[in-house]
Amino acid sequence: MEPLSTQPDSAPYLGRYLRPMNAVSVRVEGGKLIVQEIPNTGDPRPVMPIAFFGPDRAVVTDGNDRGQSIEFVRDKDGQVTWVRVVGRVAVRAAK
């Protein structure tokens, strides 16, 4: 998949998303948008730099998960509320 030539503003995607056994962190690091799974206990998984290839759809650009799709899902008000990483959904933590 080819990344969009102009990447969207990262602000709507940034935050912490929760699952029962771990959290998903979405942040900017070194000028890149990064996704990382962080277990409730144990060491965090490697960072996954991403690039968008469509509206709310991204792909991991480097590392062991390269090529894996990441999907952000918006609620009825248009706010990014969920993220799907490696087929599993996480909900945004309350601010």
Protein backbone atom coordinates (compact mmCIF):
# COMPACT_ATOMS: atom_id res chain seq x y z
CA MET A 1 0.00 0.00 0.00
CA GLU A 2 1.20 3.46 -0.79
CA PRO A 3 1.01 6.08 1.96
CA LEU A 4 -0.95 9.26 1.27
CA SER A 5 1.31 11.97 -0.16
CA THR A 6 0.04 14.33 2.53
CA GLN A 7 -0.47 12.75 5.95
CA PRO A 8 -3.42 13.93 8.09
CA ASP A 9 -2.96 15.94 11.27
CA SER A 10 -1.98 13.46 13.98
CA ALA A 11 -3.79 15.29 16.81
CA PRO A 12 -7.16 13.45 16.55
CA TYR A 13 -5.42 10.08 16.84
CA LEU A 14 -3.08 10.74 19.77
CA GLY A 15 -3.87 9.16 23.11
CA ARG A 16 -4.17 5.98 25.09
CA TYR A 17 -6.62 3.26 24.08
CA LEU A 18 -7.53 0.44 26.48
CA ARG A 19 -8.06 -3.31 26.23
CA PRO A 20 -8.53 -5.73 29.15
CA MET A 21 -4.93 -7.03 29.04
CA ASN A 22 -3.05 -4.03 27.64
CA ALA A 23 -3.17 -0.50 26.36
CA VAL A 24 -2.34 0.96 22.98
CA SER A 25 -0.38 4.21 22.97
CA VAL A 26 -0.55 6.48 19.93
CA ARG A 27 2.00 9.31 20.04
CA VAL A 28 4.45 11.31 17.99
CA GLU A 29 8.07 10.33 18.43
CA GLY A 30 10.94 11.64 16.31
CA GLY A 31 8.48 13.31 13.95
CA LYS A 32 6.66 10.01 13.24
CA LEU A 33 3.29 8.77 14.41
CA ILE A 34 3.94 5.72 16.60
CA VAL A 35 1.62 2.98 17.85
CA GLN A 36 2.77 0.75 20.72
CA GLU A 37 1.04 -1.98 22.67
CA ILE A 38 1.79 -1.78 26.41
CA PRO A 39 0.83 -4.83 28.52
CA ASN A 40 -0.66 -4.30 31.97
CA THR A 41 2.32 -6.32 33.25
CA GLY A 42 5.60 -6.94 31.47
CA ASP A 43 7.58 -5.11 28.83
CA PRO A 44 6.03 -2.95 26.08
CA ARG A 45 6.03 -4.37 22.56
CA PRO A 46 8.26 -2.70 19.97
CA VAL A 47 7.09 0.63 18.55
CA MET A 48 5.22 0.59 15.25
CA PRO A 49 5.73 3.69 13.10
CA ILE A 50 2.69 4.22 10.88
CA ALA A 51 1.67 6.13 7.77
CA PHE A 52 -1.89 6.72 6.57
CA PHE A 53 -2.94 5.24 3.23
CA GLY A 54 -6.58 6.32 3.48
CA PRO A 55 -9.02 8.08 5.79
CA ASP A 56 -8.43 6.68 9.30
CA ARG A 57 -6.47 3.74 7.85
CA ALA A 58 -2.77 3.34 8.38
CA VAL A 59 -0.05 0.77 7.83
CA VAL A 60 3.01 -0.06 9.93
CA THR A 61 6.03 1.16 7.96
CA ASP A 62 8.91 -0.53 9.81
CA GLY A 63 9.79 -3.32 12.24
CA ASN A 64 8.44 -6.83 12.80
CA ASP A 65 4.85 -5.73 12.14
CA ARG A 66 5.67 -3.91 8.87
CA GLY A 67 2.69 -4.03 6.52
CA GLN A 68 0.17 -4.63 9.33
CA SER A 69 -2.92 -2.46 9.01
CA ILE A 70 -4.09 -0.11 11.76
CA GLU A 71 -7.63 1.26 11.67
CA PHE A 72 -9.02 4.18 13.64
CA VAL A 73 -12.79 4.26 14.15
CA ARG A 74 -14.82 7.38 14.83
CA ASP A 75 -17.98 7.71 16.89
CA LYS A 76 -21.21 9.30 15.65
CA ASP A 77 -19.80 12.76 16.50
CA GLY A 78 -16.69 12.22 14.37
CA GLN A 79 -14.26 11.75 17.28
CA VAL A 80 -11.63 9.00 17.05
CA THR A 81 -12.80 6.61 19.76
CA TRP A 82 -11.38 3.19 18.87
CA VAL A 83 -8.24 1.77 17.29
CA ARG A 84 -7.87 -1.68 15.76
CA VAL A 85 -4.35 -3.07 15.98
CA VAL A 86 -3.52 -6.60 14.82
CA GLY A 87 -7.23 -7.37 14.59
CA ARG A 88 -8.03 -6.35 18.18
CA VAL A 89 -10.01 -3.26 19.15
CA ALA A 90 -9.12 -0.83 21.95
CA VAL A 91 -11.27 2.05 23.21
CA ARG A 92 -9.89 5.52 23.92
CA ALA A 93 -9.24 6.17 27.61
CA ALA A 94 -11.19 9.02 29.21
CA LYS A 95 -9.28 12.29 29.08
